[in-house]
């Protein structure tokens, strides 16, 4: 496990004669990284496999891929968030390092009857959310943690018996 976070992935680092072509190449590159490091990355959390939601397929890609890259409450109205895109390689890193890197605050949450785990990369305000299933964890989402969510996470982290740090 590497202690270094993967670099941010910038759209301008991808070839293209214009933003449309550059976006197409960027999206393809992000998808390849997602497939290699997340969907087929053989991730585990607390000895159980981490799985991704593949269906319903969205724009020819796994559902979870788009969910990791978009923001919004209503699924079919979500918009691409470049900050999420830049960090697509962080998802696998966070999961792999959840129990070994002190920069990660890992704690359970109960939301709407679901048992979830928050993997919060505190100093970068980035979180990966896993839902507990019988024999695996489902990757629910990953996002930049905004101020209202930071307060919720801090409270839940402390309520889980963790110390400030």
C-alpha atoms as a PDB file:
ATOM      1  CA  UNK A   1       0.000   0.000   0.000  1.00  0.00           C
ATOM      2  CA  UNK A   2       1.363   3.340  -1.004  1.00  0.00           C
ATOM      3  CA  UNK A   3       1.313   6.157   1.502  1.00  0.00           C
ATOM      4  CA  UNK A   4       1.270   8.720  -1.290  1.00  0.00           C
ATOM      5  CA  UNK A   5      -2.091   9.800  -2.624  1.00  0.00           C
ATOM      6  CA  UNK A   6      -2.448   9.296  -6.360  1.00  0.00           C
ATOM      7  CA  UNK A   7      -2.059  12.569  -8.277  1.00  0.00           C
ATOM      8  CA  UNK A   8      -5.080  14.623  -9.267  1.00  0.00           C
ATOM      9  CA  UNK A   9      -6.157  13.891 -12.823  1.00  0.00           C
ATOM     10  CA  UNK A  10      -6.610  17.094 -14.807  1.00  0.00           C
ATOM     11  CA  UNK A  11      -8.613  17.302 -18.018  1.00  0.00           C
ATOM     12  CA  UNK A  12      -6.008  19.629 -19.537  1.00  0.00           C
ATOM     13  CA  UNK A  13      -3.454  16.820 -19.325  1.00  0.00           C
ATOM     14  CA  UNK A  14      -5.444  14.901 -21.941  1.00  0.00           C
ATOM     15  CA  UNK A  15      -5.065  15.452 -25.683  1.00  0.00           C
ATOM     16  CA  UNK A  16      -7.696  17.085 -27.815  1.00  0.00           C
ATOM     17  CA  UNK A  17      -8.107  19.876 -30.333  1.00  0.00           C
ATOM     18  CA  UNK A  18     -10.884  21.407 -28.235  1.00  0.00           C
ATOM     19  CA  UNK A  19     -12.679  20.901 -24.911  1.00  0.00           C
ATOM     20  CA  UNK A  20     -15.153  18.422 -26.434  1.00  0.00           C
ATOM     21  CA  UNK A  21     -12.418  16.114 -27.701  1.00  0.00           C
ATOM     22  CA  UNK A  22     -10.325  16.657 -24.558  1.00  0.00           C
ATOM     23  CA  UNK A  23     -13.365  15.726 -22.409  1.00  0.00           C
ATOM     24  CA  UNK A  24     -13.915  12.527 -24.424  1.00  0.00           C
ATOM     25  CA  UNK A  25     -10.277  11.502 -23.900  1.00  0.00           C
ATOM     26  CA  UNK A  26     -10.410  12.508 -20.225  1.00  0.00           C
ATOM     27  CA  UNK A  27     -13.594  10.523 -19.619  1.00  0.00           C
ATOM     28  CA  UNK A  28     -12.099   7.475 -21.337  1.00  0.00           C
ATOM     29  CA  UNK A  29      -8.924   7.805 -19.253  1.00  0.00           C
ATOM     30  CA  UNK A  30     -10.896   8.175 -16.017  1.00  0.00           C
ATOM     31  CA  UNK A  31     -13.009   5.145 -16.880  1.00  0.00           C
ATOM     32  CA  UNK A  32      -9.906   3.012 -17.488  1.00  0.00           C
ATOM     33  CA  UNK A  33      -8.499   4.107 -14.123  1.00  0.00           C
ATOM     34  CA  UNK A  34     -11.832   3.403 -12.420  1.00  0.00           C
ATOM     35  CA  UNK A  35     -12.015  -0.083 -13.960  1.00  0.00           C
ATOM     36  CA  UNK A  36      -8.429  -0.949 -13.010  1.00  0.00           C
ATOM     37  CA  UNK A  37      -8.372   0.508  -9.490  1.00  0.00           C
ATOM     38  CA  UNK A  38     -11.975   0.197  -8.342  1.00  0.00           C
ATOM     39  CA  UNK A  39     -14.332  -2.048 -10.331  1.00  0.00           C
ATOM     40  CA  UNK A  40     -11.720  -4.749 -11.032  1.00  0.00           C
ATOM     41  CA  UNK A  41      -9.185  -3.661  -8.399  1.00  0.00           C
ATOM     42  CA  UNK A  42     -10.020  -6.528  -6.005  1.00  0.00           C
ATOM     43  CA  UNK A  43     -10.613  -4.062  -3.211  1.00  0.00           C
ATOM     44  CA  UNK A  44     -11.329  -5.243   0.313  1.00  0.00           C
ATOM     45  CA  UNK A  45     -12.490  -3.495   3.431  1.00  0.00           C
ATOM     46  CA  UNK A  46     -12.301  -5.275   6.779  1.00  0.00           C
ATOM     47  CA  UNK A  47     -11.647  -8.617   5.011  1.00  0.00           C
ATOM     48  CA  UNK A  48     -14.728  -8.414   2.774  1.00  0.00           C
ATOM     49  CA  UNK A  49     -14.739  -7.555  -0.933  1.00  0.00           C
ATOM     50  CA  UNK A  50     -15.873  -4.140  -2.118  1.00  0.00           C
ATOM     51  CA  UNK A  51     -18.226  -4.301  -5.084  1.00  0.00           C
ATOM     52  CA  UNK A  52     -19.594  -1.668  -7.451  1.00  0.00           C
ATOM     53  CA  UNK A  53     -23.023  -1.202  -8.935  1.00  0.00           C
ATOM     54  CA  UNK A  54     -22.786  -1.875 -12.665  1.00  0.00           C
ATOM     55  CA  UNK A  55     -26.435  -1.367 -13.619  1.00  0.00           C
ATOM     56  CA  UNK A  56     -28.281   0.530 -14.803  1.00  0.00           C
ATOM     57  CA  UNK A  57     -25.589   1.255 -17.333  1.00  0.00           C
ATOM     58  CA  UNK A  58     -25.295   4.983 -17.958  1.00  0.00           C
ATOM     59  CA  UNK A  59     -23.867   6.387 -21.209  1.00  0.00           C
ATOM     60  CA  UNK A  60     -22.192   3.032 -21.855  1.00  0.00           C
ATOM     61  CA  UNK A  61     -20.419   3.038 -18.485  1.00  0.00           C
ATOM     62  CA  UNK A  62     -20.993   1.405 -15.123  1.00  0.00           C
ATOM     63  CA  UNK A  63     -23.575   3.154 -12.976  1.00  0.00           C
ATOM     64  CA  UNK A  64     -21.097   3.531 -10.101  1.00  0.00           C
ATOM     65  CA  UNK A  65     -18.539   5.234 -12.345  1.00  0.00           C
ATOM     66  CA  UNK A  66     -20.945   8.037 -13.192  1.00  0.00           C
ATOM     67  CA  UNK A  67     -22.161   8.263  -9.628  1.00  0.00           C
ATOM     68  CA  UNK A  68     -18.569   8.819  -8.443  1.00  0.00           C
ATOM     69  CA  UNK A  69     -18.082  11.633 -10.982  1.00  0.00           C
ATOM     70  CA  UNK A  70     -21.377  13.487 -10.645  1.00  0.00           C
ATOM     71  CA  UNK A  71     -23.090  15.563  -8.009  1.00  0.00           C
ATOM     72  CA  UNK A  72     -26.767  16.107  -7.243  1.00  0.00           C
ATOM     73  CA  UNK A  73     -29.647  14.612  -5.297  1.00  0.00           C
ATOM     74  CA  UNK A  74     -31.837  13.498  -8.242  1.00  0.00           C
ATOM     75  CA  UNK A  75     -30.079  10.681 -10.083  1.00  0.00           C
ATOM     76  CA  UNK A  76     -31.093  11.563 -13.650  1.00  0.00           C
ATOM     77  CA  UNK A  77     -30.320  15.267 -13.095  1.00  0.00           C
ATOM     78  CA  UNK A  78     -26.815  14.863 -11.670  1.00  0.00           C
ATOM     79  CA  UNK A  79     -24.044  16.960 -13.232  1.00  0.00           C
ATOM     80  CA  UNK A  80     -20.385  16.136 -13.763  1.00  0.00           C
ATOM     81  CA  UNK A  81     -18.212  17.522 -10.967  1.00  0.00           C
ATOM     82  CA  UNK A  82     -14.613  18.043 -12.094  1.00  0.00           C
ATOM     83  CA  UNK A  83     -13.368  17.903  -8.483  1.00  0.00           C
ATOM     84  CA  UNK A  84     -14.777  14.377  -8.221  1.00  0.00           C
ATOM     85  CA  UNK A  85     -13.308  13.486 -11.603  1.00  0.00           C
ATOM     86  CA  UNK A  86      -9.848  14.688 -10.562  1.00  0.00           C
ATOM     87  CA  UNK A  87      -9.947  12.337  -7.572  1.00  0.00           C
ATOM     88  CA  UNK A  88     -11.268   9.145  -9.220  1.00  0.00           C
ATOM     89  CA  UNK A  89      -7.915   7.421  -8.503  1.00  0.00           C
ATOM     90  CA  UNK A  90      -8.279   8.272  -4.809  1.00  0.00           C
ATOM     91  CA  UNK A  91     -11.225   5.894  -4.313  1.00  0.00           C
ATOM     92  CA  UNK A  92      -9.201   2.683  -4.395  1.00  0.00           C
ATOM     93  CA  UNK A  93      -6.371   4.280  -2.420  1.00  0.00           C
ATOM     94  CA  UNK A  94      -8.741   5.354   0.373  1.00  0.00           C
ATOM     95  CA  UNK A  95     -10.294   1.887   0.615  1.00  0.00           C
ATOM     96  CA  UNK A  96      -6.912   0.116   0.579  1.00  0.00           C
ATOM     97  CA  UNK A  97      -5.492   2.421   3.251  1.00  0.00           C
ATOM     98  CA  UNK A  98      -8.602   2.759   5.433  1.00  0.00           C
ATOM     99  CA  UNK A  99      -7.214   0.854   8.401  1.00  0.00           C
ATOM    100  CA  UNK A 100      -3.553   1.773   8.074  1.00  0.00           C
ATOM    101  CA  UNK A 101      -3.265   5.497   7.307  1.00  0.00           C
ATOM    102  CA  UNK A 102      -3.741   7.938  10.192  1.00  0.00           C
ATOM    103  CA  UNK A 103      -5.048  10.575   7.779  1.00  0.00           C
ATOM    104  CA  UNK A 104      -8.217   8.512   7.383  1.00  0.00           C
ATOM    105  CA  UNK A 105     -11.048   8.646   9.879  1.00  0.00           C
ATOM    106  CA  UNK A 106     -13.078   5.468   9.541  1.00  0.00           C
ATOM    107  CA  UNK A 107     -16.386   5.131  11.338  1.00  0.00           C
ATOM    108  CA  UNK A 108     -19.850   3.572  10.978  1.00  0.00           C
ATOM    109  CA  UNK A 109     -23.038   5.511  10.259  1.00  0.00           C
ATOM    110  CA  UNK A 110     -26.677   4.490  10.257  1.00  0.00           C
ATOM    111  CA  UNK A 111     -28.658   6.299   7.567  1.00  0.00           C
ATOM    112  CA  UNK A 112     -32.191   5.409   6.511  1.00  0.00           C
ATOM    113  CA  UNK A 113     -31.846   1.962   8.053  1.00  0.00           C
ATOM    114  CA  UNK A 114     -28.627   1.270   6.119  1.00  0.00           C
ATOM    115  CA  UNK A 115     -25.341   0.441   7.819  1.00  0.00           C
ATOM    116  CA  UNK A 116     -22.647   2.435   6.080  1.00  0.00           C
ATOM    117  CA  UNK A 117     -18.984   3.115   6.672  1.00  0.00           C
ATOM    118  CA  UNK A 118     -17.412   6.498   6.125  1.00  0.00           C
ATOM    119  CA  UNK A 119     -13.781   6.547   5.025  1.00  0.00           C
ATOM    120  CA  UNK A 120     -12.927  10.223   5.486  1.00  0.00           C
ATOM    121  CA  UNK A 121      -9.601  11.534   4.240  1.00  0.00           C
ATOM    122  CA  UNK A 122      -9.838  14.312   6.781  1.00  0.00           C
ATOM    123  CA  UNK A 123      -7.066  16.706   5.718  1.00  0.00           C
ATOM    124  CA  UNK A 124      -8.283  16.686   2.099  1.00  0.00           C
ATOM    125  CA  UNK A 125     -12.008  16.687   2.949  1.00  0.00           C
ATOM    126  CA  UNK A 126     -12.670  13.703   0.736  1.00  0.00           C
ATOM    127  CA  UNK A 127     -14.852  10.735   1.658  1.00  0.00           C
ATOM    128  CA  UNK A 128     -15.691   7.301   0.328  1.00  0.00           C
ATOM    129  CA  UNK A 129     -18.938   5.728   1.524  1.00  0.00           C
ATOM    130  CA  UNK A 130     -19.429   1.953   1.681  1.00  0.00           C
ATOM    131  CA  UNK A 131     -22.699   0.195   2.472  1.00  0.00           C
ATOM    132  CA  UNK A 132     -22.486  -3.037   4.437  1.00  0.00           C
ATOM    133  CA  UNK A 133     -24.122  -6.040   2.838  1.00  0.00           C
ATOM    134  CA  UNK A 134     -24.186  -9.649   4.078  1.00  0.00           C
ATOM    135  CA  UNK A 135     -20.880 -10.771   2.602  1.00  0.00           C
ATOM    136  CA  UNK A 136     -19.444  -7.658   0.941  1.00  0.00           C
ATOM    137  CA  UNK A 137     -19.411  -3.852   0.955  1.00  0.00           C
ATOM    138  CA  UNK A 138     -21.082  -1.860  -1.795  1.00  0.00           C
ATOM    139  CA  UNK A 139     -19.298   1.268  -2.942  1.00  0.00           C
ATOM    140  CA  UNK A 140     -22.005   3.894  -2.632  1.00  0.00           C
ATOM    141  CA  UNK A 141     -20.252   7.148  -3.424  1.00  0.00           C
ATOM    142  CA  UNK A 142     -17.163   9.327  -3.073  1.00  0.00           C
ATOM    143  CA  UNK A 143     -17.134  13.107  -2.813  1.00  0.00           C
ATOM    144  CA  UNK A 144     -15.561  16.319  -1.578  1.00  0.00           C
ATOM    145  CA  UNK A 145     -16.836  16.903   1.957  1.00  0.00           C
ATOM    146  CA  UNK A 146     -18.471  20.325   2.272  1.00  0.00           C
ATOM    147  CA  UNK A 147     -18.721  22.254   5.554  1.00  0.00           C
ATOM    148  CA  UNK A 148     -22.167  21.001   6.668  1.00  0.00           C
ATOM    149  CA  UNK A 149     -21.070  17.422   6.032  1.00  0.00           C
ATOM    150  CA  UNK A 150     -17.763  18.014   7.847  1.00  0.00           C
ATOM    151  CA  UNK A 151     -19.725  18.867  11.001  1.00  0.00           C
ATOM    152  CA  UNK A 152     -21.867  15.741  10.616  1.00  0.00           C
ATOM    153  CA  UNK A 153     -18.815  13.553  10.021  1.00  0.00           C
ATOM    154  CA  UNK A 154     -16.938  15.075  12.960  1.00  0.00           C
ATOM    155  CA  UNK A 155     -19.922  14.457  15.265  1.00  0.00           C
ATOM    156  CA  UNK A 156     -20.399  10.878  14.049  1.00  0.00           C
ATOM    157  CA  UNK A 157     -16.674  10.170  14.249  1.00  0.00           C
ATOM    158  CA  UNK A 158     -16.568  11.396  17.842  1.00  0.00           C
ATOM    159  CA  UNK A 159     -19.782   9.493  18.706  1.00  0.00           C
ATOM    160  CA  UNK A 160     -18.147   6.333  17.370  1.00  0.00           C
ATOM    161  CA  UNK A 161     -15.583   6.724  20.171  1.00  0.00           C
ATOM    162  CA  UNK A 162     -12.790   8.171  18.081  1.00  0.00           C
ATOM    163  CA  UNK A 163     -10.539  10.956  19.335  1.00  0.00           C
ATOM    164  CA  UNK A 164      -9.920  14.338  17.804  1.00  0.00           C
ATOM    165  CA  UNK A 165      -6.838  14.436  15.649  1.00  0.00           C
END
